[in-house]
Amino acid sequence: MFRFLYRFIMCLCLAAPCFADTRIGVQTLTVDDLGDGRTLSLSVWYPAEKGGQPEAVGRNAVFLGQAAYRGAIPQSTRHPLVMLSHGGLRSAPDSGAWLAGRLAQAGFVAIEVNGPRPRLALEAVDEIWRRPQDVSHAIDRVLADKVWSDLVDGQRIAVVGHALGGTAALALAGGRIDALSYVRSCDDERHDADCAWYAAQEVSLDRVDIAQMHSALRDPRIAAAIALNPEYSEAFLPGSLGALDAKSAQIRLGDQSAAPIAGADLRFVAVKEGVQFDAFSLCTEQGLAILAEDGGDTALCRSGADQRSRVHDQIANQIILFLTQ
């Protein structure tokens, strides 16, 4: 269903990308009518004709940005649409810019959904259901836009998510999360960064809005979903990932002993060279030192640029191959 005109994509190999030499454009849309005081910022990436101002989107002191032309004129044909929900609770805006750029270069319109970054742990417990809702709100905004509704194919919409965004992608495909399992996610010995953050602020996951969490988060407009290292995968209701309404895949970085989610009807791909943090952008030369000085997670920048670039290529190629088959 996601096959499109660029026949060269079918020559993709897993070792290296074969993207077209396409100008990448980027624009920003907002969603400010959610009714709860929250605003979404949508970074819209697309194959461009000409024009625009060069920009390194998503660049900060730790991460390099993705090169694009701000405000470039979009190609006038319709393109498949990919919604991106990238990173964990406290990821910086446009942390998936590297992937959005590759998708735009391959002929997709890719939209990264940047919601408000939770300042406090108490605000973050509801991100489990807010993320998929935000993606649906973003689709509403794009399809109602006079310009972009003519440039995207509403019958070819996919969602790609990393970490908590991967959980959102599976929920949008029809997966349902069990509240009790989610609440107990920090009771085991994983001691991941988010659980430590919750514990430091004395916030329990039982503060989640259970009614919202149990509401149907499936978006029937989404025809394909890809989850990259999804969080809380053990919290999905048994069987709910075995009867997904959208074709779906799981890409796993890092722990190669990890198996496909039990009972899930997902294509499973392991990127053996990568670690979970390779789903983030390339780091600046000072990135590792800045994280160490500020008490951040230095694992974000431990991979060398060459390794991370290779992993980025493999991830992008797997996603494009899945969406074009």
C-alpha atoms as a PDB file:
ATOM      1  CA  MET A   1       0.000   0.000   0.000  1.00  0.00           C
ATOM      2  CA  PHE A   2       2.905   2.290   0.683  1.00  0.00           C
ATOM      3  CA  ARG A   3       4.653   1.629  -2.655  1.00  0.00           C
ATOM      4  CA  PHE A   4       5.368   4.905  -4.399  1.00  0.00           C
ATOM      5  CA  LEU A   5       6.852   6.186  -7.634  1.00  0.00           C
ATOM      6  CA  TYR A   6      10.529   6.276  -6.716  1.00  0.00           C
ATOM      7  CA  ARG A   7      11.500   2.898  -8.075  1.00  0.00           C
ATOM      8  CA  PHE A   8      15.119   3.332  -7.058  1.00  0.00           C
ATOM      9  CA  ILE A   9      14.042   2.700  -3.457  1.00  0.00           C
ATOM     10  CA  MET A  10      13.665  -0.971  -4.307  1.00  0.00           C
ATOM     11  CA  CYS A  11      17.459  -1.196  -4.640  1.00  0.00           C
ATOM     12  CA  LEU A  12      17.929  -0.457  -0.939  1.00  0.00           C
ATOM     13  CA  CYS A  13      20.596  -2.517   0.741  1.00  0.00           C
ATOM     14  CA  LEU A  14      21.005  -2.892   4.461  1.00  0.00           C
ATOM     15  CA  ALA A  15      24.655  -1.862   4.534  1.00  0.00           C
ATOM     16  CA  ALA A  16      24.338   1.607   2.981  1.00  0.00           C
ATOM     17  CA  PRO A  17      21.623   4.017   1.887  1.00  0.00           C
ATOM     18  CA  CYS A  18      20.776   4.763  -1.723  1.00  0.00           C
ATOM     19  CA  PHE A  19      18.672   7.885  -1.242  1.00  0.00           C
ATOM     20  CA  ALA A  20      17.956  10.252  -4.106  1.00  0.00           C
ATOM     21  CA  ASP A  21      19.716  13.558  -4.305  1.00  0.00           C
ATOM     22  CA  THR A  22      16.603  15.398  -3.152  1.00  0.00           C
ATOM     23  CA  ARG A  23      16.469  18.847  -1.609  1.00  0.00           C
ATOM     24  CA  ILE A  24      15.034  18.617   1.918  1.00  0.00           C
ATOM     25  CA  GLY A  25      12.595  21.272   3.033  1.00  0.00           C
ATOM     26  CA  VAL A  26      11.257  21.922   6.519  1.00  0.00           C
ATOM     27  CA  GLN A  27       8.432  24.034   7.913  1.00  0.00           C
ATOM     28  CA  THR A  28       6.687  24.310  11.276  1.00  0.00           C
ATOM     29  CA  LEU A  29       2.980  23.958  12.027  1.00  0.00           C
ATOM     30  CA  THR A  30       1.338  24.302  15.422  1.00  0.00           C
ATOM     31  CA  VAL A  31      -1.636  22.687  17.103  1.00  0.00           C
ATOM     32  CA  ASP A  32      -2.888  25.022  19.817  1.00  0.00           C
ATOM     33  CA  ASP A  33      -6.544  24.076  20.197  1.00  0.00           C
ATOM     34  CA  LEU A  34      -6.215  20.916  22.281  1.00  0.00           C
ATOM     35  CA  GLY A  35      -8.383  22.334  25.053  1.00  0.00           C
ATOM     36  CA  ASP A  36      -5.976  21.519  27.886  1.00  0.00           C
ATOM     37  CA  GLY A  37      -3.518  24.387  27.559  1.00  0.00           C
ATOM     38  CA  ARG A  38      -1.003  22.260  25.667  1.00  0.00           C
ATOM     39  CA  THR A  39       0.447  23.206  22.286  1.00  0.00           C
ATOM     40  CA  LEU A  40       2.091  20.913  19.758  1.00  0.00           C
ATOM     41  CA  SER A  41       4.873  21.986  17.442  1.00  0.00           C
ATOM     42  CA  LEU A  42       5.016  19.975  14.212  1.00  0.00           C
ATOM     43  CA  SER A  43       8.235  19.897  12.206  1.00  0.00           C
ATOM     44  CA  VAL A  44       7.201  19.112   8.635  1.00  0.00           C
ATOM     45  CA  TRP A  45       9.928  17.580   6.435  1.00  0.00           C
ATOM     46  CA  TYR A  46       9.387  17.129   2.704  1.00  0.00           C
ATOM     47  CA  PRO A  47      10.972  16.762  -0.734  1.00  0.00           C
ATOM     48  CA  ALA A  48      11.481  20.326  -1.951  1.00  0.00           C
ATOM     49  CA  GLU A  49      11.767  22.006  -5.334  1.00  0.00           C
ATOM     50  CA  LYS A  50      13.862  25.075  -4.523  1.00  0.00           C
ATOM     51  CA  GLY A  51      14.339  28.030  -2.206  1.00  0.00           C
ATOM     52  CA  GLY A  52      14.485  28.219   1.558  1.00  0.00           C
ATOM     53  CA  GLN A  53      17.158  29.175   4.082  1.00  0.00           C
ATOM     54  CA  PRO A  54      19.737  26.560   5.124  1.00  0.00           C
ATOM     55  CA  GLU A  55      19.387  25.437   8.743  1.00  0.00           C
ATOM     56  CA  ALA A  56      20.693  22.708  11.041  1.00  0.00           C
ATOM     57  CA  VAL A  57      17.366  21.668  12.572  1.00  0.00           C
ATOM     58  CA  GLY A  58      17.537  20.283  16.089  1.00  0.00           C
ATOM     59  CA  ARG A  59      21.100  21.411  16.706  1.00  0.00           C
ATOM     60  CA  ASN A  60      22.064  22.158  20.290  1.00  0.00           C
ATOM     61  CA  ALA A  61      25.162  21.931  22.454  1.00  0.00           C
ATOM     62  CA  VAL A  62      24.970  18.130  22.633  1.00  0.00           C
ATOM     63  CA  PHE A  63      23.553  17.056  19.276  1.00  0.00           C
ATOM     64  CA  LEU A  64      24.286  17.975  15.694  1.00  0.00           C
ATOM     65  CA  GLY A  65      21.306  19.099  13.650  1.00  0.00           C
ATOM     66  CA  GLN A  66      19.886  17.828  10.370  1.00  0.00           C
ATOM     67  CA  ALA A  67      20.536  20.026   7.341  1.00  0.00           C
ATOM     68  CA  ALA A  68      17.414  21.319   5.592  1.00  0.00           C
ATOM     69  CA  TYR A  69      16.071  24.385   3.822  1.00  0.00           C
ATOM     70  CA  ARG A  70      13.599  26.277   6.005  1.00  0.00           C
ATOM     71  CA  GLY A  71      10.562  27.341   3.975  1.00  0.00           C
ATOM     72  CA  ALA A  72      11.643  25.679   0.723  1.00  0.00           C
ATOM     73  CA  ILE A  73       8.947  25.196  -1.922  1.00  0.00           C
ATOM     74  CA  PRO A  74       7.508  21.653  -1.648  1.00  0.00           C
ATOM     75  CA  GLN A  75       7.302  19.327  -4.617  1.00  0.00           C
ATOM     76  CA  SER A  76       3.752  19.588  -5.913  1.00  0.00           C
ATOM     77  CA  THR A  77       2.959  15.866  -6.049  1.00  0.00           C
ATOM     78  CA  ARG A  78       1.285  13.908  -3.238  1.00  0.00           C
ATOM     79  CA  HIS A  79       3.564  11.956  -0.923  1.00  0.00           C
ATOM     80  CA  PRO A  80       3.043   9.227   1.687  1.00  0.00           C
ATOM     81  CA  LEU A  81       2.870  10.671   5.196  1.00  0.00           C
ATOM     82  CA  VAL A  82       4.930   9.416   8.135  1.00  0.00           C
ATOM     83  CA  MET A  83       4.243  10.712  11.649  1.00  0.00           C
ATOM     84  CA  LEU A  84       7.249  10.604  13.995  1.00  0.00           C
ATOM     85  CA  SER A  85       7.016  10.351  17.783  1.00  0.00           C
ATOM     86  CA  HIS A  86      10.632  10.253  18.860  1.00  0.00           C
ATOM     87  CA  GLY A  87      12.441   9.652  22.112  1.00  0.00           C
ATOM     88  CA  GLY A  88      11.648   9.340  25.774  1.00  0.00           C
ATOM     89  CA  LEU A  89      10.040  11.643  28.294  1.00  0.00           C
ATOM     90  CA  ARG A  90      12.671  14.355  28.327  1.00  0.00           C
ATOM     91  CA  SER A  91      14.009  14.261  24.786  1.00  0.00           C
ATOM     92  CA  ALA A  92      14.764  17.587  23.169  1.00  0.00           C
ATOM     93  CA  PRO A  93      12.495  18.841  20.361  1.00  0.00           C
ATOM     94  CA  ASP A  94      13.393  17.525  16.910  1.00  0.00           C
ATOM     95  CA  SER A  95      15.520  14.727  18.342  1.00  0.00           C
ATOM     96  CA  GLY A  96      14.366  12.603  15.389  1.00  0.00           C
ATOM     97  CA  ALA A  97      15.396  15.189  12.789  1.00  0.00           C
ATOM     98  CA  TRP A  98      18.030  12.841  11.336  1.00  0.00           C
ATOM     99  CA  LEU A  99      15.329  10.265  10.517  1.00  0.00           C
ATOM    100  CA  ALA A 100      12.835  12.832   9.259  1.00  0.00           C
ATOM    101  CA  GLY A 101      15.481  14.127   6.861  1.00  0.00           C
ATOM    102  CA  ARG A 102      16.177  10.667   5.481  1.00  0.00           C
ATOM    103  CA  LEU A 103      12.470   9.989   4.996  1.00  0.00           C
ATOM    104  CA  ALA A 104      11.983  13.285   3.175  1.00  0.00           C
ATOM    105  CA  GLN A 105      14.941  12.457   0.957  1.00  0.00           C
ATOM    106  CA  ALA A 106      13.277   9.137   0.124  1.00  0.00           C
ATOM    107  CA  GLY A 107      10.037  10.806  -0.989  1.00  0.00           C
ATOM    108  CA  PHE A 108       7.920  10.948   2.160  1.00  0.00           C
ATOM    109  CA  VAL A 109       6.440  13.862   4.032  1.00  0.00           C
ATOM    110  CA  ALA A 110       7.637  13.228   7.595  1.00  0.00           C
ATOM    111  CA  ILE A 111       6.176  15.125  10.532  1.00  0.00           C
ATOM    112  CA  GLU A 112       7.848  15.034  13.922  1.00  0.00           C
ATOM    113  CA  VAL A 113       5.339  15.718  16.698  1.00  0.00           C
ATOM    114  CA  ASN A 114       6.927  17.789  19.461  1.00  0.00           C
ATOM    115  CA  GLY A 115       4.711  18.019  22.527  1.00  0.00           C
ATOM    116  CA  PRO A 116       5.467  20.009  25.675  1.00  0.00           C
ATOM    117  CA  ARG A 117       8.442  18.521  27.491  1.00  0.00           C
ATOM    118  CA  PRO A 118       7.325  17.419  30.994  1.00  0.00           C
ATOM    119  CA  ARG A 119       9.017  19.566  33.615  1.00  0.00           C
ATOM    120  CA  LEU A 120       7.946  17.431  36.567  1.00  0.00           C
ATOM    121  CA  ALA A 121       7.557  13.693  36.983  1.00  0.00           C
ATOM    122  CA  LEU A 122       3.905  14.169  37.947  1.00  0.00           C
ATOM    123  CA  GLU A 123       3.257  15.661  34.511  1.00  0.00           C
ATOM    124  CA  ALA A 124       5.012  12.784  32.792  1.00  0.00           C
ATOM    125  CA  VAL A 125       2.947   9.820  34.013  1.00  0.00           C
ATOM    126  CA  ASP A 126       0.218  10.611  31.475  1.00  0.00           C
ATOM    127  CA  GLU A 127       2.587  10.698  28.495  1.00  0.00           C
ATOM    128  CA  ILE A 128       1.748   7.018  27.957  1.00  0.00           C
ATOM    129  CA  TRP A 129      -1.635   8.052  26.506  1.00  0.00           C
ATOM    130  CA  ARG A 130      -0.875  11.641  25.515  1.00  0.00           C
ATOM    131  CA  ARG A 131       1.727  10.608  22.936  1.00  0.00           C
ATOM    132  CA  PRO A 132      -0.688   8.651  20.701  1.00  0.00           C
ATOM    133  CA  GLN A 133      -3.378  11.307  21.139  1.00  0.00           C
ATOM    134  CA  ASP A 134      -0.876  13.982  20.098  1.00  0.00           C
ATOM    135  CA  VAL A 135      -0.112  12.077  16.904  1.00  0.00           C
ATOM    136  CA  SER A 136      -3.815  11.872  16.082  1.00  0.00           C
ATOM    137  CA  HIS A 137      -4.240  15.614  16.741  1.00  0.00           C
ATOM    138  CA  ALA A 138      -1.289  16.269  14.448  1.00  0.00           C
ATOM    139  CA  ILE A 139      -2.871  14.209  11.648  1.00  0.00           C
ATOM    140  CA  ASP A 140      -6.075  16.211  12.075  1.00  0.00           C
ATOM    141  CA  ARG A 141      -4.101  19.429  11.713  1.00  0.00           C
ATOM    142  CA  VAL A 142      -2.253  18.344   8.576  1.00  0.00           C
ATOM    143  CA  LEU A 143      -5.284  16.940   6.770  1.00  0.00           C
ATOM    144  CA  ALA A 144      -7.265  20.127   7.518  1.00  0.00           C
ATOM    145  CA  ASP A 145      -4.483  22.403   6.254  1.00  0.00           C
ATOM    146  CA  LYS A 146      -5.228  23.973   2.862  1.00  0.00           C
ATOM    147  CA  VAL A 147      -1.681  23.488   1.635  1.00  0.00           C
ATOM    148  CA  TRP A 148      -0.580  20.210   3.155  1.00  0.00           C
ATOM    149  CA  SER A 149      -3.828  18.342   2.569  1.00  0.00           C
ATOM    150  CA  ASP A 150      -3.022  18.559  -1.166  1.00  0.00           C
ATOM    151  CA  LEU A 151       0.569  17.404  -0.710  1.00  0.00           C
ATOM    152  CA  VAL A 152       0.042  14.267   1.391  1.00  0.00           C
ATOM    153  CA  ASP A 153      -1.816  11.093   0.557  1.00  0.00           C
ATOM    154  CA  GLY A 154      -4.348  10.546   3.339  1.00  0.00           C
ATOM    155  CA  GLN A 155      -4.627   6.891   2.344  1.00  0.00           C
ATOM    156  CA  ARG A 156      -0.936   6.246   2.999  1.00  0.00           C
ATOM    157  CA  ILE A 157      -0.255   7.296   6.598  1.00  0.00           C
ATOM    158  CA  ALA A 158       2.272   5.554   8.841  1.00  0.00           C
ATOM    159  CA  VAL A 159       3.616   6.216  12.325  1.00  0.00           C
ATOM    160  CA  VAL A 160       7.200   5.606  13.483  1.00  0.00           C
ATOM    161  CA  GLY A 161       8.135   5.929  17.133  1.00  0.00           C
ATOM    162  CA  HIS A 162      11.193   5.479  19.325  1.00  0.00           C
ATOM    163  CA  ALA A 163      11.141   4.557  23.036  1.00  0.00           C
ATOM    164  CA  LEU A 164       7.919   6.036  24.449  1.00  0.00           C
ATOM    165  CA  GLY A 165       7.099   7.077  20.900  1.00  0.00           C
ATOM    166  CA  GLY A 166       7.368   3.413  19.922  1.00  0.00           C
ATOM    167  CA  THR A 167       4.795   2.574  22.572  1.00  0.00           C
ATOM    168  CA  ALA A 168       2.566   5.246  21.054  1.00  0.00           C
ATOM    169  CA  ALA A 169       3.009   3.750  17.586  1.00  0.00           C
ATOM    170  CA  LEU A 170       1.814   0.342  18.794  1.00  0.00           C
ATOM    171  CA  ALA A 171      -1.157   1.927  20.592  1.00  0.00           C
ATOM    172  CA  LEU A 172      -2.125   3.792  17.424  1.00  0.00           C
ATOM    173  CA  ALA A 173      -1.997   0.484  15.532  1.00  0.00           C
ATOM    174  CA  GLY A 174      -4.468  -1.074  17.983  1.00  0.00           C
ATOM    175  CA  GLY A 175      -2.405  -2.238  20.952  1.00  0.00           C
ATOM    176  CA  ARG A 176      -4.083  -1.717  24.340  1.00  0.00           C
ATOM    177  CA  ILE A 177      -2.186  -1.111  27.568  1.00  0.00           C
ATOM    178  CA  ASP A 178      -3.165  -2.669  30.875  1.00  0.00           C
ATOM    179  CA  ALA A 179      -3.157   0.007  33.593  1.00  0.00           C
ATOM    180  CA  LEU A 180      -2.063  -2.346  36.383  1.00  0.00           C
ATOM    181  CA  SER A 181       0.895  -3.616  34.365  1.00  0.00           C
ATOM    182  CA  TYR A 182       1.916  -0.053  33.542  1.00  0.00           C
ATOM    183  CA  VAL A 183       1.679   1.024  37.188  1.00  0.00           C
ATOM    184  CA  ARG A 184       3.955  -1.861  38.199  1.00  0.00           C
ATOM    185  CA  SER A 185       6.543  -1.156  35.488  1.00  0.00           C
ATOM    186  CA  CYS A 186       8.952   0.445  37.951  1.00  0.00           C
ATOM    187  CA  ASP A 187       8.575  -2.318  40.551  1.00  0.00           C
ATOM    188  CA  ASP A 188      11.138  -4.621  38.961  1.00  0.00           C
ATOM    189  CA  GLU A 189      14.912  -4.177  38.897  1.00  0.00           C
ATOM    190  CA  ARG A 190      15.238  -2.371  35.588  1.00  0.00           C
ATOM    191  CA  HIS A 191      16.033   0.919  37.309  1.00  0.00           C
ATOM    192  CA  ASP A 192      15.891   2.781  34.019  1.00  0.00           C
ATOM    193  CA  ALA A 193      16.318   6.553  33.923  1.00  0.00           C
ATOM    194  CA  ASP A 194      12.624   7.351  33.994  1.00  0.00           C
ATOM    195  CA  CYS A 195      11.908   5.119  36.975  1.00  0.00           C
ATOM    196  CA  ALA A 196      14.768   6.760  38.880  1.00  0.00           C
ATOM    197  CA  TRP A 197      13.387  10.177  37.965  1.00  0.00           C
ATOM    198  CA  TYR A 198       9.930   9.233  39.233  1.00  0.00           C
ATOM    199  CA  ALA A 199      11.405   7.838  42.443  1.00  0.00           C
ATOM    200  CA  ALA A 200      13.523  10.948  43.040  1.00  0.00           C
ATOM    201  CA  GLN A 201      10.380  13.089  42.900  1.00  0.00           C
ATOM    202  CA  GLU A 202       8.326  10.562  44.896  1.00  0.00           C
ATOM    203  CA  VAL A 203       5.861  10.085  42.075  1.00  0.00           C
ATOM    204  CA  SER A 204       4.217   6.729  41.426  1.00  0.00           C
ATOM    205  CA  LEU A 205       2.854   5.589  38.081  1.00  0.00           C
ATOM    206  CA  ASP A 206      -0.508   5.008  39.764  1.00  0.00           C
ATOM    207  CA  ARG A 207      -1.103   8.729  39.290  1.00  0.00           C
ATOM    208  CA  VAL A 208      -1.890   8.024  35.616  1.00  0.00           C
ATOM    209  CA  ASP A 209      -5.358   8.952  34.340  1.00  0.00           C
ATOM    210  CA  ILE A 210      -6.678   5.405  33.999  1.00  0.00           C
ATOM    211  CA  ALA A 211      -9.827   6.393  32.112  1.00  0.00           C
ATOM    212  CA  GLN A 212      -7.776   8.125  29.415  1.00  0.00           C
ATOM    213  CA  MET A 213      -5.297   5.270  29.342  1.00  0.00           C
ATOM    214  CA  HIS A 214      -8.044   2.720  28.738  1.00  0.00           C
ATOM    215  CA  SER A 215      -9.699   4.806  26.033  1.00  0.00           C
ATOM    216  CA  ALA A 216      -9.325   3.608  22.459  1.00  0.00           C
ATOM    217  CA  LEU A 217      -6.112   5.125  21.125  1.00  0.00           C
ATOM    218  CA  ARG A 218      -6.263   3.327  17.774  1.00  0.00           C
ATOM    219  CA  ASP A 219      -6.318   5.718  14.820  1.00  0.00           C
ATOM    220  CA  PRO A 220      -7.912   3.989  11.794  1.00  0.00           C
ATOM    221  CA  ARG A 221      -6.187   6.396   9.396  1.00  0.00           C
ATOM    222  CA  ILE A 222      -2.832   4.788  10.205  1.00  0.00           C
ATOM    223  CA  ALA A 223      -2.038   1.906   7.886  1.00  0.00           C
ATOM    224  CA  ALA A 224       1.432   1.018   9.182  1.00  0.00           C
ATOM    225  CA  ALA A 225       3.327   1.358  12.462  1.00  0.00           C
ATOM    226  CA  ILE A 226       6.992   0.871  13.354  1.00  0.00           C
ATOM    227  CA  ALA A 227       8.192   0.782  16.967  1.00  0.00           C
ATOM    228  CA  LEU A 228      11.889   1.319  17.621  1.00  0.00           C
ATOM    229  CA  ASN A 229      12.867  -0.006  21.075  1.00  0.00           C
ATOM    230  CA  PRO A 230       9.351   0.560  22.470  1.00  0.00           C
ATOM    231  CA  GLU A 231       9.043   1.134  26.204  1.00  0.00           C
ATOM    232  CA  TYR A 232       6.486  -0.622  28.439  1.00  0.00           C
ATOM    233  CA  SER A 233       6.039  -3.391  25.869  1.00  0.00           C
ATOM    234  CA  GLU A 234       5.265  -5.806  28.708  1.00  0.00           C
ATOM    235  CA  ALA A 235       2.301  -3.637  29.728  1.00  0.00           C
ATOM    236  CA  PHE A 236       0.247  -4.282  26.591  1.00  0.00           C
ATOM    237  CA  LEU A 237      -2.778  -6.491  27.158  1.00  0.00           C
ATOM    238  CA  PRO A 238      -2.143 -10.126  26.169  1.00  0.00           C
ATOM    239  CA  GLY A 239      -3.290 -10.682  22.621  1.00  0.00           C
ATOM    240  CA  SER A 240      -3.834  -7.027  21.762  1.00  0.00           C
ATOM    241  CA  LEU A 241      -0.617  -6.939  19.728  1.00  0.00           C
ATOM    242  CA  GLY A 242      -1.569 -10.167  17.989  1.00  0.00           C
ATOM    243  CA  ALA A 243      -4.505  -8.656  16.155  1.00  0.00           C
ATOM    244  CA  LEU A 244      -3.309  -5.213  15.133  1.00  0.00           C
ATOM    245  CA  ASP A 245      -5.308  -3.337  12.539  1.00  0.00           C
ATOM    246  CA  ALA A 246      -2.226  -1.852  10.858  1.00  0.00           C
ATOM    247  CA  LYS A 247       0.777  -3.712   9.524  1.00  0.00           C
ATOM    248  CA  SER A 248       3.441  -3.293  12.156  1.00  0.00           C
ATOM    249  CA  ALA A 249       7.119  -3.867  12.851  1.00  0.00           C
ATOM    250  CA  GLN A 250       9.505  -3.712  15.800  1.00  0.00           C
ATOM    251  CA  ILE A 251      13.126  -2.648  15.386  1.00  0.00           C
ATOM    252  CA  ARG A 252      15.396  -3.493  18.283  1.00  0.00           C
ATOM    253  CA  LEU A 253      18.712  -1.803  19.021  1.00  0.00           C
ATOM    254  CA  GLY A 254      21.087  -2.799  21.759  1.00  0.00           C
ATOM    255  CA  ASP A 255      20.324  -5.924  23.770  1.00  0.00           C
ATOM    256  CA  GLN A 256      20.508  -8.622  21.130  1.00  0.00           C
ATOM    257  CA  SER A 257      19.090 -11.192  23.530  1.00  0.00           C
ATOM    258  CA  ALA A 258      15.777  -9.340  23.297  1.00  0.00           C
ATOM    259  CA  ALA A 259      13.113 -11.262  21.436  1.00  0.00           C
ATOM    260  CA  PRO A 260      10.000 -10.064  19.640  1.00  0.00           C
ATOM    261  CA  ILE A 261       7.211  -9.042  21.986  1.00  0.00           C
ATOM    262  CA  ALA A 262       5.436 -12.230  23.066  1.00  0.00           C
ATOM    263  CA  GLY A 263       2.201 -12.827  21.174  1.00  0.00           C
ATOM    264  CA  ALA A 264       2.700  -9.825  18.909  1.00  0.00           C
ATOM    265  CA  ASP A 265       2.004  -9.919  15.187  1.00  0.00           C
ATOM    266  CA  LEU A 266       5.032  -7.788  14.319  1.00  0.00           C
ATOM    267  CA  ARG A 267       7.876  -8.063  11.884  1.00  0.00           C
ATOM    268  CA  PHE A 268      10.996  -8.156  14.064  1.00  0.00           C
ATOM    269  CA  VAL A 269      14.316  -6.633  12.998  1.00  0.00           C
ATOM    270  CA  ALA A 270      17.464  -6.497  15.115  1.00  0.00           C
ATOM    271  CA  VAL A 271      20.129  -3.924  14.268  1.00  0.00           C
ATOM    272  CA  LYS A 272      23.077  -5.773  15.745  1.00  0.00           C
ATOM    273  CA  GLU A 273      25.633  -2.987  15.599  1.00  0.00           C
ATOM    274  CA  GLY A 274      23.534  -0.438  17.448  1.00  0.00           C
ATOM    275  CA  VAL A 275      22.805   0.430  21.039  1.00  0.00           C
ATOM    276  CA  GLN A 276      19.554   2.042  22.116  1.00  0.00           C
ATOM    277  CA  PHE A 277      21.005   5.567  22.166  1.00  0.00           C
ATOM    278  CA  ASP A 278      21.991   5.323  18.508  1.00  0.00           C
ATOM    279  CA  ALA A 279      18.403   6.281  17.722  1.00  0.00           C
ATOM    280  CA  PHE A 280      19.374   9.850  18.673  1.00  0.00           C
ATOM    281  CA  SER A 281      21.270  12.341  16.528  1.00  0.00           C
ATOM    282  CA  LEU A 282      25.019  12.470  16.086  1.00  0.00           C
ATOM    283  CA  CYS A 283      26.727  14.187  19.002  1.00  0.00           C
ATOM    284  CA  THR A 284      28.828  17.313  18.858  1.00  0.00           C
ATOM    285  CA  GLU A 285      32.496  17.093  19.774  1.00  0.00           C
ATOM    286  CA  GLN A 286      31.665  18.621  23.168  1.00  0.00           C
ATOM    287  CA  GLY A 287      28.481  16.602  23.714  1.00  0.00           C
ATOM    288  CA  LEU A 288      29.928  13.897  25.960  1.00  0.00           C
ATOM    289  CA  ALA A 289      31.745  16.406  28.164  1.00  0.00           C
ATOM    290  CA  ILE A 290      28.659  18.603  28.462  1.00  0.00           C
ATOM    291  CA  LEU A 291      26.512  15.668  29.564  1.00  0.00           C
ATOM    292  CA  ALA A 292      29.125  14.621  32.134  1.00  0.00           C
ATOM    293  CA  GLU A 293      29.417  18.142  33.533  1.00  0.00           C
ATOM    294  CA  ASP A 294      25.656  18.656  33.745  1.00  0.00           C
ATOM    295  CA  GLY A 295      24.922  15.258  35.278  1.00  0.00           C
ATOM    296  CA  GLY A 296      23.211  13.990  32.132  1.00  0.00           C
ATOM    297  CA  ASP A 297      23.274  10.459  30.764  1.00  0.00           C
ATOM    298  CA  THR A 298      26.654  10.176  29.060  1.00  0.00           C
ATOM    299  CA  ALA A 299      25.486   7.006  27.285  1.00  0.00           C
ATOM    300  CA  LEU A 300      23.729   9.325  24.837  1.00  0.00           C
ATOM    301  CA  CYS A 301      27.083  10.188  23.286  1.00  0.00           C
ATOM    302  CA  ARG A 302      29.298   7.151  23.814  1.00  0.00           C
ATOM    303  CA  SER A 303      28.906   5.831  20.272  1.00  0.00           C
ATOM    304  CA  GLY A 304      31.344   7.182  17.738  1.00  0.00           C
ATOM    305  CA  ALA A 305      30.090   9.205  14.795  1.00  0.00           C
ATOM    306  CA  ASP A 306      30.916   6.471  12.276  1.00  0.00           C
ATOM    307  CA  GLN A 307      29.000   3.802  14.179  1.00  0.00           C
ATOM    308  CA  ARG A 308      25.994   6.011  14.776  1.00  0.00           C
ATOM    309  CA  SER A 309      25.886   7.056  11.131  1.00  0.00           C
ATOM    310  CA  ARG A 310      25.923   3.405  10.035  1.00  0.00           C
ATOM    311  CA  VAL A 311      23.146   2.556  12.482  1.00  0.00           C
ATOM    312  CA  HIS A 312      21.097   5.521  11.256  1.00  0.00           C
ATOM    313  CA  ASP A 313      21.422   4.238   7.705  1.00  0.00           C
ATOM    314  CA  GLN A 314      20.314   0.745   8.724  1.00  0.00           C
ATOM    315  CA  ILE A 315      17.319   2.043  10.678  1.00  0.00           C
ATOM    316  CA  ALA A 316      16.194   4.314   7.863  1.00  0.00           C
ATOM    317  CA  ASN A 317      16.645   1.626   5.234  1.00  0.00           C
ATOM    318  CA  GLN A 318      14.622  -0.891   7.273  1.00  0.00           C
ATOM    319  CA  ILE A 319      11.805   1.615   7.759  1.00  0.00           C
ATOM    320  CA  ILE A 320      11.676   2.651   4.103  1.00  0.00           C
ATOM    321  CA  LEU A 321      11.836  -0.959   2.938  1.00  0.00           C
ATOM    322  CA  PHE A 322       8.975  -1.914   5.265  1.00  0.00           C
ATOM    323  CA  LEU A 323       6.805   0.999   4.118  1.00  0.00           C
ATOM    324  CA  THR A 324       7.403   0.431   0.418  1.00  0.00           C
ATOM    325  CA  GLN A 325       6.869  -3.333   0.295  1.00  0.00           C
END
